[in-house]
Amino acid sequence: FLNSVAGAPVPEAFASALFDGFDTTASGRITVKEFVCALAVIRKGKPEERLRLLFAVYDADRDKRLSDRDLERFAQALQDGRAGATREKAVDEALKALSAKGQGVGFESFAHWAQRNMDSPLIDWV
């Protein structure tokens, strides 16, 4: 389904991360309400709403903190099949900047970083 909507192949890890972010109840299923709400946020959401969704997509273990592992997982998913040297470098710089903030990054720190780096490959897709 996602490939038909995106118009291009979507890497499995990327699709999985999106699924987890959309599945707000961690039920292993996306309800129609969760799906519609996530699409509405991506399409018409305010910047903070979009960043909160993005944070949820990145936070694989749902601990309300982004660890190096969370960020690396998503960065790898984002790079699958379409990484260029410039994109890879930008992702590496983003990971270094965020991980320099200590043991996990909360939403506020992530949002502050994101607002200063809207052209980062970790942000620009949403």
N, C-alpha and C. Protein backbone atom coordinates (compact mmCIF):
# COMPACT_ATOMS: atom_id res chain seq x y z
N PHE A 1 0.82 -1.20 0.00
CA PHE A 1 0.00 0.00 0.00
C PHE A 1 0.86 1.26 0.00
N LEU A 2 1.85 1.30 0.88
CA LEU A 2 2.69 2.50 1.00
C LEU A 2 3.43 2.79 -0.29
N ASN A 3 3.89 1.75 -0.96
CA ASN A 3 4.59 1.95 -2.24
C ASN A 3 3.67 2.59 -3.27
N SER A 4 2.39 2.21 -3.28
CA SER A 4 1.47 2.79 -4.26
C SER A 4 1.16 4.24 -3.93
N VAL A 5 1.11 4.60 -2.67
CA VAL A 5 0.86 5.98 -2.26
C VAL A 5 2.08 6.84 -2.50
N ALA A 6 3.26 6.33 -2.17
CA ALA A 6 4.50 7.09 -2.30
C ALA A 6 4.93 7.24 -3.76
N GLY A 7 4.50 6.31 -4.61
CA GLY A 7 4.89 6.39 -6.01
C GLY A 7 6.27 5.82 -6.28
N ALA A 8 6.91 5.30 -5.26
CA ALA A 8 8.25 4.71 -5.40
C ALA A 8 8.40 3.68 -4.30
N PRO A 9 9.33 2.74 -4.48
CA PRO A 9 9.53 1.75 -3.43
C PRO A 9 9.90 2.40 -2.10
N VAL A 10 9.28 1.93 -1.04
CA VAL A 10 9.55 2.43 0.30
C VAL A 10 10.31 1.34 1.05
N PRO A 11 11.51 1.64 1.55
CA PRO A 11 12.27 0.62 2.28
C PRO A 11 11.48 0.06 3.45
N GLU A 12 11.61 -1.23 3.68
CA GLU A 12 10.88 -1.92 4.74
C GLU A 12 11.09 -1.28 6.11
N ALA A 13 12.34 -0.93 6.43
CA ALA A 13 12.62 -0.33 7.74
C ALA A 13 11.94 1.03 7.89
N PHE A 14 11.86 1.78 6.82
CA PHE A 14 11.18 3.09 6.84
C PHE A 14 9.68 2.89 7.06
N ALA A 15 9.10 1.95 6.32
CA ALA A 15 7.67 1.66 6.47
C ALA A 15 7.36 1.18 7.89
N SER A 16 8.24 0.36 8.43
CA SER A 16 8.06 -0.14 9.79
C SER A 16 8.10 0.99 10.83
N ALA A 17 9.04 1.91 10.65
CA ALA A 17 9.14 3.04 11.57
C ALA A 17 7.89 3.92 11.48
N LEU A 18 7.40 4.15 10.28
CA LEU A 18 6.17 4.93 10.12
C LEU A 18 4.99 4.22 10.78
N PHE A 19 4.91 2.92 10.57
CA PHE A 19 3.82 2.15 11.18
C PHE A 19 3.86 2.32 12.70
N ASP A 20 5.04 2.16 13.28
CA ASP A 20 5.16 2.28 14.74
C ASP A 20 4.78 3.67 15.23
N GLY A 21 5.15 4.69 14.46
CA GLY A 21 4.79 6.06 14.85
C GLY A 21 3.31 6.33 14.73
N PHE A 22 2.67 5.75 13.73
CA PHE A 22 1.23 5.92 13.54
C PHE A 22 0.43 5.14 14.58
N ASP A 23 0.96 4.01 15.03
CA ASP A 23 0.29 3.13 15.99
C ASP A 23 0.45 3.69 17.40
N THR A 24 -0.33 4.71 17.72
CA THR A 24 -0.15 5.44 18.98
C THR A 24 -0.48 4.61 20.22
N THR A 25 -1.26 3.55 20.06
CA THR A 25 -1.61 2.71 21.20
C THR A 25 -0.69 1.51 21.36
N ALA A 26 0.28 1.36 20.47
CA ALA A 26 1.23 0.24 20.48
C ALA A 26 0.50 -1.11 20.46
N SER A 27 -0.58 -1.16 19.72
CA SER A 27 -1.39 -2.38 19.65
C SER A 27 -0.89 -3.35 18.57
N GLY A 28 0.00 -2.88 17.71
CA GLY A 28 0.45 -3.71 16.61
C GLY A 28 -0.46 -3.59 15.40
N ARG A 29 -1.46 -2.72 15.52
CA ARG A 29 -2.39 -2.46 14.43
C ARG A 29 -2.63 -0.95 14.36
N ILE A 30 -2.88 -0.47 13.18
CA ILE A 30 -3.23 0.94 13.02
C ILE A 30 -4.73 1.03 12.78
N THR A 31 -5.41 1.75 13.65
CA THR A 31 -6.84 1.95 13.45
C THR A 31 -7.05 3.00 12.37
N VAL A 32 -8.26 3.06 11.86
CA VAL A 32 -8.58 4.08 10.86
C VAL A 32 -8.34 5.46 11.46
N LYS A 33 -8.72 5.64 12.72
CA LYS A 33 -8.53 6.94 13.39
C LYS A 33 -7.04 7.30 13.46
N GLU A 34 -6.18 6.35 13.86
CA GLU A 34 -4.74 6.62 13.95
C GLU A 34 -4.18 6.98 12.57
N PHE A 35 -4.61 6.25 11.56
CA PHE A 35 -4.12 6.48 10.20
C PHE A 35 -4.52 7.86 9.70
N VAL A 36 -5.81 8.19 9.84
CA VAL A 36 -6.31 9.48 9.37
C VAL A 36 -5.67 10.62 10.15
N CYS A 37 -5.54 10.47 11.46
CA CYS A 37 -4.91 11.52 12.27
C CYS A 37 -3.46 11.75 11.85
N ALA A 38 -2.71 10.68 11.65
CA ALA A 38 -1.30 10.82 11.24
C ALA A 38 -1.20 11.49 9.87
N LEU A 39 -2.03 11.08 8.93
CA LEU A 39 -2.00 11.72 7.62
C LEU A 39 -2.40 13.19 7.70
N ALA A 40 -3.37 13.49 8.54
CA ALA A 40 -3.79 14.89 8.70
C ALA A 40 -2.66 15.73 9.28
N VAL A 41 -1.92 15.17 10.23
CA VAL A 41 -0.79 15.89 10.81
C VAL A 41 0.29 16.11 9.76
N ILE A 42 0.61 15.09 9.00
CA ILE A 42 1.64 15.23 7.96
C ILE A 42 1.21 16.25 6.91
N ARG A 43 -0.02 16.18 6.52
CA ARG A 43 -0.51 17.04 5.44
C ARG A 43 -0.81 18.47 5.87
N LYS A 44 -1.48 18.63 7.02
CA LYS A 44 -1.98 19.95 7.41
C LYS A 44 -1.60 20.36 8.84
N GLY A 45 -0.80 19.55 9.49
CA GLY A 45 -0.49 19.81 10.89
C GLY A 45 0.38 21.03 11.11
N LYS A 46 0.26 21.59 12.29
CA LYS A 46 1.12 22.68 12.70
C LYS A 46 2.53 22.13 12.87
N PRO A 47 3.55 22.99 12.77
CA PRO A 47 4.92 22.49 12.89
C PRO A 47 5.17 21.65 14.15
N GLU A 48 4.65 22.06 15.29
CA GLU A 48 4.88 21.28 16.51
C GLU A 48 4.21 19.91 16.43
N GLU A 49 3.02 19.84 15.85
CA GLU A 49 2.34 18.56 15.69
C GLU A 49 3.14 17.62 14.78
N ARG A 50 3.67 18.18 13.72
CA ARG A 50 4.47 17.38 12.80
C ARG A 50 5.74 16.88 13.47
N LEU A 51 6.36 17.74 14.27
CA LEU A 51 7.57 17.31 15.00
C LEU A 51 7.23 16.25 16.03
N ARG A 52 6.09 16.37 16.69
CA ARG A 52 5.69 15.33 17.67
C ARG A 52 5.47 13.99 16.99
N LEU A 53 4.85 14.01 15.81
CA LEU A 53 4.68 12.77 15.06
C LEU A 53 6.03 12.20 14.64
N LEU A 54 6.89 13.07 14.16
CA LEU A 54 8.23 12.65 13.77
C LEU A 54 8.98 12.04 14.95
N PHE A 55 8.87 12.68 16.10
CA PHE A 55 9.50 12.17 17.32
C PHE A 55 8.96 10.77 17.63
N ALA A 56 7.65 10.59 17.51
CA ALA A 56 7.04 9.28 17.78
C ALA A 56 7.53 8.23 16.78
N VAL A 57 7.72 8.62 15.54
CA VAL A 57 8.23 7.70 14.52
C VAL A 57 9.65 7.27 14.88
N TYR A 58 10.46 8.21 15.33
CA TYR A 58 11.85 7.92 15.68
C TYR A 58 12.00 7.13 16.97
N ASP A 59 11.11 7.33 17.92
CA ASP A 59 11.22 6.74 19.26
C ASP A 59 10.77 5.27 19.23
N ALA A 60 11.62 4.41 18.70
CA ALA A 60 11.27 3.01 18.48
C ALA A 60 10.89 2.27 19.75
N ASP A 61 11.54 2.58 20.86
CA ASP A 61 11.23 1.86 22.10
C ASP A 61 10.17 2.56 22.95
N ARG A 62 9.63 3.67 22.44
CA ARG A 62 8.52 4.41 23.07
C ARG A 62 8.82 4.83 24.50
N ASP A 63 10.06 5.23 24.74
CA ASP A 63 10.42 5.65 26.10
C ASP A 63 10.43 7.18 26.25
N LYS A 64 9.91 7.86 25.26
CA LYS A 64 9.82 9.34 25.25
C LYS A 64 11.18 10.02 25.18
N ARG A 65 12.19 9.27 24.75
CA ARG A 65 13.54 9.79 24.57
C ARG A 65 14.11 9.18 23.30
N LEU A 66 14.85 9.96 22.57
CA LEU A 66 15.52 9.44 21.38
C LEU A 66 16.95 9.08 21.76
N SER A 67 17.24 7.83 21.66
CA SER A 67 18.60 7.35 21.93
C SER A 67 19.38 7.35 20.63
N ASP A 68 20.69 7.17 20.73
CA ASP A 68 21.52 7.01 19.53
C ASP A 68 20.96 5.88 18.67
N ARG A 69 20.55 4.83 19.34
CA ARG A 69 20.04 3.66 18.63
C ARG A 69 18.76 3.98 17.85
N ASP A 70 17.84 4.74 18.48
CA ASP A 70 16.61 5.15 17.79
C ASP A 70 16.95 5.95 16.54
N LEU A 71 17.84 6.93 16.69
CA LEU A 71 18.19 7.80 15.58
C LEU A 71 18.93 7.04 14.48
N GLU A 72 19.83 6.16 14.87
CA GLU A 72 20.58 5.38 13.88
C GLU A 72 19.65 4.45 13.11
N ARG A 73 18.70 3.85 13.80
CA ARG A 73 17.74 2.95 13.15
C ARG A 73 16.97 3.71 12.07
N PHE A 74 16.49 4.87 12.42
CA PHE A 74 15.70 5.61 11.44
C PHE A 74 16.57 6.18 10.34
N ALA A 75 17.73 6.67 10.69
CA ALA A 75 18.64 7.21 9.67
C ALA A 75 18.98 6.13 8.66
N GLN A 76 19.22 4.92 9.14
CA GLN A 76 19.51 3.80 8.23
C GLN A 76 18.31 3.50 7.35
N ALA A 77 17.13 3.52 7.93
CA ALA A 77 15.91 3.28 7.15
C ALA A 77 15.73 4.35 6.09
N LEU A 78 16.02 5.57 6.45
CA LEU A 78 15.88 6.69 5.53
C LEU A 78 16.89 6.60 4.39
N GLN A 79 18.07 6.08 4.68
CA GLN A 79 19.13 5.99 3.68
C GLN A 79 18.96 4.80 2.75
N ASP A 80 18.27 3.77 3.18
CA ASP A 80 18.15 2.55 2.38
C ASP A 80 17.74 2.86 0.95
N GLY A 81 18.62 2.53 0.04
CA GLY A 81 18.31 2.63 -1.37
C GLY A 81 18.39 4.02 -1.97
N ARG A 82 18.63 5.06 -1.19
CA ARG A 82 18.68 6.38 -1.79
C ARG A 82 19.71 7.29 -1.16
N ALA A 83 20.71 6.71 -0.57
CA ALA A 83 21.73 7.52 0.10
C ALA A 83 22.76 8.01 -0.90
N GLY A 84 23.04 9.26 -0.82
CA GLY A 84 24.15 9.83 -1.56
C GLY A 84 25.15 10.29 -0.52
N ALA A 85 26.34 10.65 -0.95
CA ALA A 85 27.38 11.07 -0.01
C ALA A 85 26.94 12.30 0.79
N THR A 86 26.28 13.24 0.14
CA THR A 86 25.83 14.46 0.84
C THR A 86 24.77 14.13 1.88
N ARG A 87 23.83 13.29 1.51
CA ARG A 87 22.76 12.89 2.44
C ARG A 87 23.35 12.13 3.63
N GLU A 88 24.25 11.21 3.35
CA GLU A 88 24.89 10.45 4.42
C GLU A 88 25.62 11.37 5.39
N LYS A 89 26.34 12.34 4.86
CA LYS A 89 27.07 13.29 5.69
C LYS A 89 26.11 14.10 6.56
N ALA A 90 25.00 14.54 5.97
CA ALA A 90 24.01 15.32 6.72
C ALA A 90 23.39 14.50 7.84
N VAL A 91 23.10 13.23 7.56
CA VAL A 91 22.54 12.36 8.60
C VAL A 91 23.56 12.14 9.70
N ASP A 92 24.82 11.90 9.34
CA ASP A 92 25.87 11.73 10.35
C ASP A 92 26.00 12.96 11.23
N GLU A 93 25.97 14.14 10.62
CA GLU A 93 26.06 15.39 11.40
C GLU A 93 24.87 15.53 12.34
N ALA A 94 23.69 15.19 11.86
CA ALA A 94 22.49 15.27 12.70
C ALA A 94 22.60 14.32 13.89
N LEU A 95 23.04 13.10 13.62
CA LEU A 95 23.18 12.13 14.71
C LEU A 95 24.19 12.61 15.75
N LYS A 96 25.30 13.17 15.29
CA LYS A 96 26.31 13.68 16.22
C LYS A 96 25.76 14.83 17.06
N ALA A 97 25.07 15.76 16.42
CA ALA A 97 24.52 16.91 17.14
C ALA A 97 23.50 16.48 18.18
N LEU A 98 22.62 15.57 17.80
CA LEU A 98 21.59 15.14 18.75
C LEU A 98 22.15 14.26 19.85
N SER A 99 23.06 13.36 19.50
CA SER A 99 23.61 12.46 20.52
C SER A 99 24.54 13.19 21.48
N ALA A 100 25.05 14.36 21.08
CA ALA A 100 25.92 15.14 21.97
C ALA A 100 25.15 15.71 23.15
N LYS A 101 23.83 15.65 23.09
CA LYS A 101 23.00 16.20 24.15
C LYS A 101 22.86 15.25 25.33
N GLY A 102 23.52 14.11 25.29
CA GLY A 102 23.51 13.22 26.45
C GLY A 102 22.76 11.94 26.20
N GLN A 103 22.38 11.30 27.31
CA GLN A 103 21.69 10.01 27.26
C GLN A 103 20.26 10.18 26.80
N GLY A 104 20.04 10.16 25.54
CA GLY A 104 18.69 10.30 25.01
C GLY A 104 18.28 11.76 24.93
N VAL A 105 17.46 12.03 23.96
CA VAL A 105 17.00 13.39 23.70
C VAL A 105 15.50 13.42 23.88
N GLY A 106 15.02 14.32 24.72
CA GLY A 106 13.58 14.49 24.90
C GLY A 106 12.99 15.31 23.77
N PHE A 107 11.67 15.42 23.77
CA PHE A 107 11.01 16.13 22.68
C PHE A 107 11.45 17.58 22.58
N GLU A 108 11.57 18.27 23.68
CA GLU A 108 11.93 19.70 23.63
C GLU A 108 13.29 19.91 22.97
N SER A 109 14.27 19.11 23.34
CA SER A 109 15.60 19.23 22.74
C SER A 109 15.56 18.89 21.25
N PHE A 110 14.80 17.84 20.93
CA PHE A 110 14.65 17.44 19.53
C PHE A 110 13.99 18.56 18.72
N ALA A 111 12.92 19.15 19.25
CA ALA A 111 12.21 20.21 18.54
C ALA A 111 13.10 21.43 18.34
N HIS A 112 13.88 21.76 19.36
CA HIS A 112 14.79 22.90 19.26
C HIS A 112 15.82 22.64 18.16
N TRP A 113 16.41 21.45 18.15
CA TRP A 113 17.37 21.09 17.11
C TRP A 113 16.69 21.12 15.73
N ALA A 114 15.51 20.53 15.63
CA ALA A 114 14.81 20.42 14.35
C ALA A 114 14.48 21.79 13.76
N GLN A 115 14.07 22.72 14.60
CA GLN A 115 13.73 24.05 14.11
C GLN A 115 14.94 24.77 13.53
N ARG A 116 16.11 24.43 14.01
CA ARG A 116 17.34 25.04 13.47
C ARG A 116 17.89 24.27 12.28
N ASN A 117 17.35 23.08 12.03
CA ASN A 117 17.90 22.19 10.99
C ASN A 117 16.81 21.62 10.09
N MET A 118 15.89 22.44 9.66
CA MET A 118 14.75 21.96 8.87
C MET A 118 15.16 21.34 7.53
N ASP A 119 16.38 21.60 7.08
CA ASP A 119 16.83 21.01 5.82
C ASP A 119 17.53 19.66 6.02
N SER A 120 17.62 19.20 7.26
CA SER A 120 18.25 17.90 7.53
C SER A 120 17.40 16.78 6.95
N PRO A 121 18.04 15.74 6.41
CA PRO A 121 17.28 14.59 5.91
C PRO A 121 16.45 13.90 6.99
N LEU A 122 16.79 14.12 8.25
CA LEU A 122 15.99 13.55 9.33
C LEU A 122 14.69 14.32 9.55
N ILE A 123 14.60 15.51 8.98
CA ILE A 123 13.42 16.36 9.18
C ILE A 123 12.68 16.65 7.88
N ASP A 124 13.40 16.86 6.80
CA ASP A 124 12.78 17.42 5.60
C ASP A 124 11.73 16.55 4.93
N TRP A 125 11.64 15.29 5.26
CA TRP A 125 10.66 14.42 4.61
C TRP A 125 9.25 14.64 5.14
N VAL A 126 9.13 15.29 6.29
CA VAL A 126 7.81 15.55 6.84
C VAL A 126 7.57 17.03 6.84
